[in-house]
Amino acid sequence: MPEGDLAELRQRKKELLLESDINRQIVRVEFAQLALKASEWRRGLLKVRTAYNWLAPATGIFFAIYGMRKKMLGHVARTKHDGHGHGKAAYLNLLAPLGMAAFRKAYKFWRHARRRGATT
């Protein structure tokens, strides 16, 4: 094999090794970008889950109040209404248990956050 061909093969080998190293670096960067994108997706799903955990009970409460209101107004419409607003007390009776449940939940959340803050 002539000396020129051997030098050309060595040069080609160096070029291929350099290209392979560049491709490895590109693949490493791509995987890092995919990992970042996956963590962004996870954060987004956590936000969606948090929103769901707040909206689902709120929606249930809304529909419960709406249903009770409909029942109370239906009752008021069927009977003779004297204009004194006797249905307001029924609203307060409906909202009192919900307020206590919300207070208990907030207190439990506060206690948990306080304990977690004390240990870290």
C-alpha atoms as a PDB file:
ATOM      1  CA  MET A   1       0.000   0.000   0.000  1.00  0.00           C
ATOM      2  CA  PRO A   2       1.487   3.330  -0.980  1.00  0.00           C
ATOM      3  CA  GLU A   3       2.379   5.830   1.755  1.00  0.00           C
ATOM      4  CA  GLY A   4      -0.092   8.431   0.427  1.00  0.00           C
ATOM      5  CA  ASP A   5      -3.012   6.013   0.721  1.00  0.00           C
ATOM      6  CA  LEU A   6      -2.030   5.174   4.293  1.00  0.00           C
ATOM      7  CA  ALA A   7      -1.875   8.867   5.280  1.00  0.00           C
ATOM      8  CA  GLU A   8      -5.236   9.412   3.598  1.00  0.00           C
ATOM      9  CA  LEU A   9      -6.755   6.517   5.577  1.00  0.00           C
ATOM     10  CA  ARG A  10      -5.305   7.919   8.852  1.00  0.00           C
ATOM     11  CA  GLN A  11      -6.786  11.312   8.048  1.00  0.00           C
ATOM     12  CA  ARG A  12     -10.143   9.727   7.241  1.00  0.00           C
ATOM     13  CA  LYS A  13     -10.018   7.776  10.532  1.00  0.00           C
ATOM     14  CA  LYS A  14      -9.370  10.998  12.487  1.00  0.00           C
ATOM     15  CA  GLU A  15     -12.268  12.701  10.733  1.00  0.00           C
ATOM     16  CA  LEU A  16     -14.594   9.785  11.494  1.00  0.00           C
ATOM     17  CA  LEU A  17     -13.540   9.731  15.172  1.00  0.00           C
ATOM     18  CA  LEU A  18     -14.123  13.470  15.425  1.00  0.00           C
ATOM     19  CA  GLU A  19     -17.520  13.148  13.745  1.00  0.00           C
ATOM     20  CA  SER A  20     -18.454  10.285  16.095  1.00  0.00           C
ATOM     21  CA  ASP A  21     -17.469  12.382  19.119  1.00  0.00           C
ATOM     22  CA  ILE A  22     -19.539  15.304  17.834  1.00  0.00           C
ATOM     23  CA  ASN A  23     -22.539  12.987  17.306  1.00  0.00           C
ATOM     24  CA  ARG A  24     -22.180  11.646  20.873  1.00  0.00           C
ATOM     25  CA  GLN A  25     -22.187  15.190  22.215  1.00  0.00           C
ATOM     26  CA  ILE A  26     -25.268  16.034  20.149  1.00  0.00           C
ATOM     27  CA  VAL A  27     -27.093  12.960  21.469  1.00  0.00           C
ATOM     28  CA  ARG A  28     -26.114  13.925  25.053  1.00  0.00           C
ATOM     29  CA  VAL A  29     -27.504  17.447  24.527  1.00  0.00           C
ATOM     30  CA  GLU A  30     -30.725  16.046  23.015  1.00  0.00           C
ATOM     31  CA  PHE A  31     -31.246  13.745  26.010  1.00  0.00           C
ATOM     32  CA  ALA A  32     -30.664  16.662  28.383  1.00  0.00           C
ATOM     33  CA  GLN A  33     -33.283  18.681  26.472  1.00  0.00           C
ATOM     34  CA  LEU A  34     -35.723  15.764  26.668  1.00  0.00           C
ATOM     35  CA  ALA A  35     -35.157  15.505  30.417  1.00  0.00           C
ATOM     36  CA  LEU A  36     -35.878  19.232  30.791  1.00  0.00           C
ATOM     37  CA  LYS A  37     -39.027  18.918  28.705  1.00  0.00           C
ATOM     38  CA  ALA A  38     -40.161  15.934  30.804  1.00  0.00           C
ATOM     39  CA  SER A  39     -39.691  17.913  34.020  1.00  0.00           C
ATOM     40  CA  GLU A  40     -41.709  20.789  32.508  1.00  0.00           C
ATOM     41  CA  TRP A  41     -44.505  18.345  31.652  1.00  0.00           C
ATOM     42  CA  ARG A  42     -44.389  16.939  35.188  1.00  0.00           C
ATOM     43  CA  ARG A  43     -44.672  20.443  36.648  1.00  0.00           C
ATOM     44  CA  GLY A  44     -47.578  21.185  34.309  1.00  0.00           C
ATOM     45  CA  LEU A  45     -49.365  17.988  35.324  1.00  0.00           C
ATOM     46  CA  LEU A  46     -48.795  18.835  38.970  1.00  0.00           C
ATOM     47  CA  LYS A  47     -50.430  22.224  38.383  1.00  0.00           C
ATOM     48  CA  VAL A  48     -53.370  20.530  36.659  1.00  0.00           C
ATOM     49  CA  ARG A  49     -53.704  18.052  39.528  1.00  0.00           C
ATOM     50  CA  THR A  50     -53.579  20.872  42.073  1.00  0.00           C
ATOM     51  CA  ALA A  51     -56.214  22.813  40.145  1.00  0.00           C
ATOM     52  CA  TYR A  52     -58.384  19.701  39.958  1.00  0.00           C
ATOM     53  CA  ASN A  53     -58.014  19.097  43.706  1.00  0.00           C
ATOM     54  CA  TRP A  54     -59.361  22.603  44.333  1.00  0.00           C
ATOM     55  CA  LEU A  55     -61.927  22.858  41.547  1.00  0.00           C
ATOM     56  CA  ALA A  56     -63.618  19.490  41.987  1.00  0.00           C
ATOM     57  CA  PRO A  57     -64.824  20.145  45.557  1.00  0.00           C
ATOM     58  CA  ALA A  58     -65.671  23.756  44.700  1.00  0.00           C
ATOM     59  CA  THR A  59     -67.767  22.560  41.773  1.00  0.00           C
ATOM     60  CA  GLY A  60     -69.520  20.043  44.007  1.00  0.00           C
ATOM     61  CA  ILE A  61     -70.255  22.753  46.560  1.00  0.00           C
ATOM     62  CA  PHE A  62     -71.551  25.034  43.806  1.00  0.00           C
ATOM     63  CA  PHE A  63     -73.934  22.400  42.490  1.00  0.00           C
ATOM     64  CA  ALA A  64     -75.091  21.531  46.022  1.00  0.00           C
ATOM     65  CA  ILE A  65     -75.850  25.183  46.739  1.00  0.00           C
ATOM     66  CA  TYR A  66     -77.498  25.559  43.348  1.00  0.00           C
ATOM     67  CA  GLY A  67     -79.695  22.518  43.984  1.00  0.00           C
ATOM     68  CA  MET A  68     -80.651  23.698  47.462  1.00  0.00           C
ATOM     69  CA  ARG A  69     -81.380  27.180  46.130  1.00  0.00           C
ATOM     70  CA  LYS A  70     -83.555  25.710  43.437  1.00  0.00           C
ATOM     71  CA  LYS A  71     -85.447  23.672  46.036  1.00  0.00           C
ATOM     72  CA  MET A  72     -85.865  26.670  48.334  1.00  0.00           C
ATOM     73  CA  LEU A  73     -86.974  29.020  45.577  1.00  0.00           C
ATOM     74  CA  GLY A  74     -89.312  26.372  44.262  1.00  0.00           C
ATOM     75  CA  HIS A  75     -90.826  26.105  47.721  1.00  0.00           C
ATOM     76  CA  VAL A  76     -91.127  29.898  47.987  1.00  0.00           C
ATOM     77  CA  ALA A  77     -92.736  30.121  44.553  1.00  0.00           C
ATOM     78  CA  ARG A  78     -95.338  27.472  45.446  1.00  0.00           C
ATOM     79  CA  THR A  79     -96.373  29.154  48.701  1.00  0.00           C
ATOM     80  CA  LYS A  80     -97.594  32.665  49.222  1.00  0.00           C
ATOM     81  CA  HIS A  81     -94.575  34.903  49.734  1.00  0.00           C
ATOM     82  CA  ASP A  82     -94.982  37.775  52.160  1.00  0.00           C
ATOM     83  CA  GLY A  83     -91.746  39.597  51.242  1.00  0.00           C
ATOM     84  CA  HIS A  84     -89.935  39.074  54.555  1.00  0.00           C
ATOM     85  CA  GLY A  85     -87.178  36.907  53.029  1.00  0.00           C
ATOM     86  CA  HIS A  86     -87.708  33.812  55.167  1.00  0.00           C
ATOM     87  CA  GLY A  87     -85.416  31.868  52.816  1.00  0.00           C
ATOM     88  CA  LYS A  88     -82.254  33.670  53.993  1.00  0.00           C
ATOM     89  CA  ALA A  89     -82.045  31.639  57.178  1.00  0.00           C
ATOM     90  CA  ALA A  90     -82.139  28.488  55.072  1.00  0.00           C
ATOM     91  CA  TYR A  91     -79.103  29.736  53.127  1.00  0.00           C
ATOM     92  CA  LEU A  92     -77.202  30.275  56.369  1.00  0.00           C
ATOM     93  CA  ASN A  93     -78.202  26.828  57.578  1.00  0.00           C
ATOM     94  CA  LEU A  94     -76.868  25.434  54.314  1.00  0.00           C
ATOM     95  CA  LEU A  95     -73.583  27.364  54.394  1.00  0.00           C
ATOM     96  CA  ALA A  96     -72.699  26.806  58.067  1.00  0.00           C
ATOM     97  CA  PRO A  97     -71.638  23.139  57.660  1.00  0.00           C
ATOM     98  CA  LEU A  98     -69.697  24.018  54.527  1.00  0.00           C
ATOM     99  CA  GLY A  99     -67.906  26.820  56.370  1.00  0.00           C
ATOM    100  CA  MET A 100     -66.983  24.477  59.217  1.00  0.00           C
ATOM    101  CA  ALA A 101     -65.725  21.857  56.786  1.00  0.00           C
ATOM    102  CA  ALA A 102     -63.609  24.471  55.000  1.00  0.00           C
ATOM    103  CA  PHE A 103     -62.285  25.732  58.342  1.00  0.00           C
ATOM    104  CA  ARG A 104     -61.340  22.193  59.426  1.00  0.00           C
ATOM    105  CA  LYS A 105     -59.595  21.547  56.116  1.00  0.00           C
ATOM    106  CA  ALA A 106     -57.658  24.821  56.330  1.00  0.00           C
ATOM    107  CA  TYR A 107     -56.669  24.103  59.941  1.00  0.00           C
ATOM    108  CA  LYS A 108     -55.454  20.623  59.012  1.00  0.00           C
ATOM    109  CA  PHE A 109     -53.470  22.080  56.101  1.00  0.00           C
ATOM    110  CA  TRP A 110     -51.947  24.725  58.390  1.00  0.00           C
ATOM    111  CA  ARG A 111     -50.945  22.113  61.002  1.00  0.00           C
ATOM    112  CA  HIS A 112     -49.358  19.910  58.331  1.00  0.00           C
ATOM    113  CA  ALA A 113     -47.437  22.856  56.838  1.00  0.00           C
ATOM    114  CA  ARG A 114     -46.276  23.891  60.295  1.00  0.00           C
ATOM    115  CA  ARG A 115     -45.017  20.386  61.109  1.00  0.00           C
ATOM    116  CA  ARG A 116     -43.294  20.135  57.751  1.00  0.00           C
ATOM    117  CA  GLY A 117     -41.658  23.523  58.319  1.00  0.00           C
ATOM    118  CA  ALA A 118     -40.420  22.460  61.764  1.00  0.00           C
ATOM    119  CA  THR A 119     -38.682  19.328  60.445  1.00  0.00           C
ATOM    120  CA  THR A 120     -36.888  20.969  57.521  1.00  0.00           C
END
